[in-house]
Amino acid sequence: MKLSSTEGIALAEEVKTGGAVSEEERIWGLIAWLLSVVGAVITLALKPTYRYARYWAYLSIAFFIAVIVSGVVATIVGLIPLIGWFISLLISIALLVIYIIGIIKSLAPEFWRPPIIYDVARMLGIEKLK
């Protein structure tokens, strides 16, 4: 049996995510990631039955916590002339890259596990979703 390209893509998405993820769930996952804590709270309040969206809501909250902690660290390190400013810039660029990757992954659909951020999300209870 030969699959068409559309059927093959749908099958690959189902295998990758462990089940079918609807377009609406992907959009809600994107909203949860894009709008940070506000999007996560809205997603958790309005769509509590969407497993994929809840997953991204937890990741979004964990990313927000990581941004706050990184901001404090970058501010403290930024007090050191030149090298501290450079390290602060690297931290900011790394957070921006992670944010952009998250946007892409939330639409993929994919249950992404970014280092550190996923660990924080696990402490928040992300593993209860499975």
C-alpha atoms as a PDB file:
ATOM      1  CA  MET A   1       0.000   0.000   0.000  1.00  0.00           C
ATOM      2  CA  LYS A   2       1.459   3.312  -1.086  1.00  0.00           C
ATOM      3  CA  LEU A   3       0.631   6.474   0.889  1.00  0.00           C
ATOM      4  CA  SER A   4       0.113   9.857  -0.682  1.00  0.00           C
ATOM      5  CA  SER A   5       2.387  12.632   0.544  1.00  0.00           C
ATOM      6  CA  THR A   6      -0.433  14.139   2.635  1.00  0.00           C
ATOM      7  CA  GLU A   7      -1.221  10.797   4.264  1.00  0.00           C
ATOM      8  CA  GLY A   8       2.473  10.204   4.891  1.00  0.00           C
ATOM      9  CA  ILE A   9       2.855  13.572   6.612  1.00  0.00           C
ATOM     10  CA  ALA A  10      -0.233  12.958   8.758  1.00  0.00           C
ATOM     11  CA  LEU A  11       1.055   9.510   9.722  1.00  0.00           C
ATOM     12  CA  ALA A  12       4.492  10.926  10.582  1.00  0.00           C
ATOM     13  CA  GLU A  13       2.903  13.599  12.800  1.00  0.00           C
ATOM     14  CA  GLU A  14       0.822  10.985  14.591  1.00  0.00           C
ATOM     15  CA  VAL A  15       3.866   8.806  15.216  1.00  0.00           C
ATOM     16  CA  LYS A  16       5.989  11.782  16.322  1.00  0.00           C
ATOM     17  CA  THR A  17       3.414  13.103  18.786  1.00  0.00           C
ATOM     18  CA  GLY A  18       2.113   9.751  19.982  1.00  0.00           C
ATOM     19  CA  GLY A  19      -1.347  10.458  18.559  1.00  0.00           C
ATOM     20  CA  ALA A  20      -3.159  12.871  16.337  1.00  0.00           C
ATOM     21  CA  VAL A  21      -2.928  16.540  17.280  1.00  0.00           C
ATOM     22  CA  SER A  22      -5.616  18.713  15.789  1.00  0.00           C
ATOM     23  CA  GLU A  23      -4.951  22.046  14.119  1.00  0.00           C
ATOM     24  CA  GLU A  24      -6.890  23.768  16.916  1.00  0.00           C
ATOM     25  CA  GLU A  25      -4.676  22.169  19.567  1.00  0.00           C
ATOM     26  CA  ARG A  26      -1.585  23.389  17.703  1.00  0.00           C
ATOM     27  CA  ILE A  27      -2.963  26.927  17.572  1.00  0.00           C
ATOM     28  CA  TRP A  28      -3.696  26.882  21.301  1.00  0.00           C
ATOM     29  CA  GLY A  29      -0.188  25.511  21.940  1.00  0.00           C
ATOM     30  CA  LEU A  30       1.220  28.376  19.889  1.00  0.00           C
ATOM     31  CA  ILE A  31      -0.886  30.901  21.821  1.00  0.00           C
ATOM     32  CA  ALA A  32       0.360  29.435  25.103  1.00  0.00           C
ATOM     33  CA  TRP A  33       3.992  29.789  23.984  1.00  0.00           C
ATOM     34  CA  LEU A  34       3.748  33.159  22.222  1.00  0.00           C
ATOM     35  CA  LEU A  35       1.907  35.038  24.959  1.00  0.00           C
ATOM     36  CA  SER A  36       4.036  33.687  27.791  1.00  0.00           C
ATOM     37  CA  VAL A  37       2.290  33.437  31.151  1.00  0.00           C
ATOM     38  CA  VAL A  38      -0.854  35.205  29.952  1.00  0.00           C
ATOM     39  CA  GLY A  39      -1.215  32.798  27.013  1.00  0.00           C
ATOM     40  CA  ALA A  40      -0.520  29.830  29.262  1.00  0.00           C
ATOM     41  CA  VAL A  41      -3.182  30.851  31.781  1.00  0.00           C
ATOM     42  CA  ILE A  42      -5.709  31.538  29.000  1.00  0.00           C
ATOM     43  CA  THR A  43      -4.955  28.164  27.419  1.00  0.00           C
ATOM     44  CA  LEU A  44      -5.213  26.293  30.706  1.00  0.00           C
ATOM     45  CA  ALA A  45      -8.480  28.073  31.550  1.00  0.00           C
ATOM     46  CA  LEU A  46     -10.206  27.804  28.176  1.00  0.00           C
ATOM     47  CA  LYS A  47      -8.914  24.492  26.818  1.00  0.00           C
ATOM     48  CA  PRO A  48      -8.113  22.216  29.770  1.00  0.00           C
ATOM     49  CA  THR A  49      -8.887  19.064  27.749  1.00  0.00           C
ATOM     50  CA  TYR A  50      -6.294  19.759  25.029  1.00  0.00           C
ATOM     51  CA  ARG A  51      -3.275  17.738  26.126  1.00  0.00           C
ATOM     52  CA  TYR A  52      -0.933  19.284  23.527  1.00  0.00           C
ATOM     53  CA  ALA A  53      -1.959  22.842  24.433  1.00  0.00           C
ATOM     54  CA  ARG A  54      -1.554  22.141  28.161  1.00  0.00           C
ATOM     55  CA  TYR A  55       1.918  20.745  27.490  1.00  0.00           C
ATOM     56  CA  TRP A  56       2.947  23.995  25.788  1.00  0.00           C
ATOM     57  CA  ALA A  57       1.278  26.051  28.511  1.00  0.00           C
ATOM     58  CA  TYR A  58       3.451  24.354  31.135  1.00  0.00           C
ATOM     59  CA  LEU A  59       6.537  24.847  28.950  1.00  0.00           C
ATOM     60  CA  SER A  60       5.622  28.516  28.538  1.00  0.00           C
ATOM     61  CA  ILE A  61       5.373  29.063  32.280  1.00  0.00           C
ATOM     62  CA  ALA A  62       8.715  27.276  32.773  1.00  0.00           C
ATOM     63  CA  PHE A  63      10.291  29.413  30.042  1.00  0.00           C
ATOM     64  CA  PHE A  64       8.986  32.546  31.758  1.00  0.00           C
ATOM     65  CA  ILE A  65      10.617  31.444  35.016  1.00  0.00           C
ATOM     66  CA  ALA A  66      13.869  30.782  33.127  1.00  0.00           C
ATOM     67  CA  VAL A  67      13.710  34.246  31.547  1.00  0.00           C
ATOM     68  CA  ILE A  68      13.266  35.885  34.966  1.00  0.00           C
ATOM     69  CA  VAL A  69      16.172  33.938  36.484  1.00  0.00           C
ATOM     70  CA  SER A  70      18.353  34.606  33.419  1.00  0.00           C
ATOM     71  CA  GLY A  71      17.492  38.296  33.604  1.00  0.00           C
ATOM     72  CA  VAL A  72      18.625  38.499  37.203  1.00  0.00           C
ATOM     73  CA  VAL A  73      21.839  36.615  36.389  1.00  0.00           C
ATOM     74  CA  ALA A  74      22.478  38.769  33.304  1.00  0.00           C
ATOM     75  CA  THR A  75      21.951  41.945  35.334  1.00  0.00           C
ATOM     76  CA  ILE A  76      24.398  40.852  38.013  1.00  0.00           C
ATOM     77  CA  VAL A  77      26.988  39.649  35.484  1.00  0.00           C
ATOM     78  CA  GLY A  78      26.398  42.801  33.426  1.00  0.00           C
ATOM     79  CA  LEU A  79      27.899  44.851  36.229  1.00  0.00           C
ATOM     80  CA  ILE A  80      31.305  43.551  35.167  1.00  0.00           C
ATOM     81  CA  PRO A  81      32.607  45.795  32.365  1.00  0.00           C
ATOM     82  CA  LEU A  82      33.115  44.284  28.897  1.00  0.00           C
ATOM     83  CA  ILE A  83      33.097  40.551  29.685  1.00  0.00           C
ATOM     84  CA  GLY A  84      29.922  40.874  31.747  1.00  0.00           C
ATOM     85  CA  TRP A  85      28.224  42.842  28.997  1.00  0.00           C
ATOM     86  CA  PHE A  86      29.222  40.184  26.484  1.00  0.00           C
ATOM     87  CA  ILE A  87      27.898  37.370  28.681  1.00  0.00           C
ATOM     88  CA  SER A  88      24.637  39.285  29.187  1.00  0.00           C
ATOM     89  CA  LEU A  89      24.312  39.662  25.426  1.00  0.00           C
ATOM     90  CA  LEU A  90      24.903  35.925  24.917  1.00  0.00           C
ATOM     91  CA  ILE A  91      22.227  35.089  27.490  1.00  0.00           C
ATOM     92  CA  SER A  92      19.743  37.362  25.713  1.00  0.00           C
ATOM     93  CA  ILE A  93      20.528  35.860  22.317  1.00  0.00           C
ATOM     94  CA  ALA A  94      20.198  32.319  23.690  1.00  0.00           C
ATOM     95  CA  LEU A  95      16.762  33.118  25.136  1.00  0.00           C
ATOM     96  CA  LEU A  96      15.641  34.643  21.839  1.00  0.00           C
ATOM     97  CA  VAL A  97      16.797  31.555  19.925  1.00  0.00           C
ATOM     98  CA  ILE A  98      14.970  29.248  22.347  1.00  0.00           C
ATOM     99  CA  TYR A  99      11.823  31.363  21.993  1.00  0.00           C
ATOM    100  CA  ILE A 100      11.933  31.174  18.184  1.00  0.00           C
ATOM    101  CA  ILE A 101      12.609  27.418  18.222  1.00  0.00           C
ATOM    102  CA  GLY A 102       9.625  27.051  20.558  1.00  0.00           C
ATOM    103  CA  ILE A 103       7.385  28.860  18.074  1.00  0.00           C
ATOM    104  CA  ILE A 104       8.448  26.473  15.319  1.00  0.00           C
ATOM    105  CA  LYS A 105       8.171  23.367  17.490  1.00  0.00           C
ATOM    106  CA  SER A 106       4.711  24.280  18.813  1.00  0.00           C
ATOM    107  CA  LEU A 107       3.364  24.318  15.273  1.00  0.00           C
ATOM    108  CA  ALA A 108       5.251  21.160  14.232  1.00  0.00           C
ATOM    109  CA  PRO A 109       3.477  19.453  16.336  1.00  0.00           C
ATOM    110  CA  GLU A 110       6.108  18.120  18.671  1.00  0.00           C
ATOM    111  CA  PHE A 111       6.412  17.500  22.380  1.00  0.00           C
ATOM    112  CA  TRP A 112       9.690  19.392  22.683  1.00  0.00           C
ATOM    113  CA  ARG A 113      11.922  18.913  25.728  1.00  0.00           C
ATOM    114  CA  PRO A 114      14.313  21.864  25.939  1.00  0.00           C
ATOM    115  CA  PRO A 115      17.021  21.362  28.571  1.00  0.00           C
ATOM    116  CA  ILE A 116      16.514  23.155  31.890  1.00  0.00           C
ATOM    117  CA  ILE A 117      13.128  24.544  30.791  1.00  0.00           C
ATOM    118  CA  TYR A 118      11.647  21.046  30.630  1.00  0.00           C
ATOM    119  CA  ASP A 119      13.150  20.293  34.054  1.00  0.00           C
ATOM    120  CA  VAL A 120      11.384  23.342  35.492  1.00  0.00           C
ATOM    121  CA  ALA A 121       8.149  22.302  33.739  1.00  0.00           C
ATOM    122  CA  ARG A 122       8.524  18.852  35.283  1.00  0.00           C
ATOM    123  CA  MET A 123       8.638  20.460  38.718  1.00  0.00           C
ATOM    124  CA  LEU A 124       5.423  22.289  37.794  1.00  0.00           C
ATOM    125  CA  GLY A 125       3.738  18.992  36.929  1.00  0.00           C
ATOM    126  CA  ILE A 126       4.065  18.580  33.158  1.00  0.00           C
ATOM    127  CA  GLU A 127       4.515  14.813  33.488  1.00  0.00           C
ATOM    128  CA  LYS A 128       1.003  14.453  34.891  1.00  0.00           C
ATOM    129  CA  LEU A 129      -0.290  15.169  31.383  1.00  0.00           C
ATOM    130  CA  LYS A 130       0.805  11.798  29.995  1.00  0.00           C
END
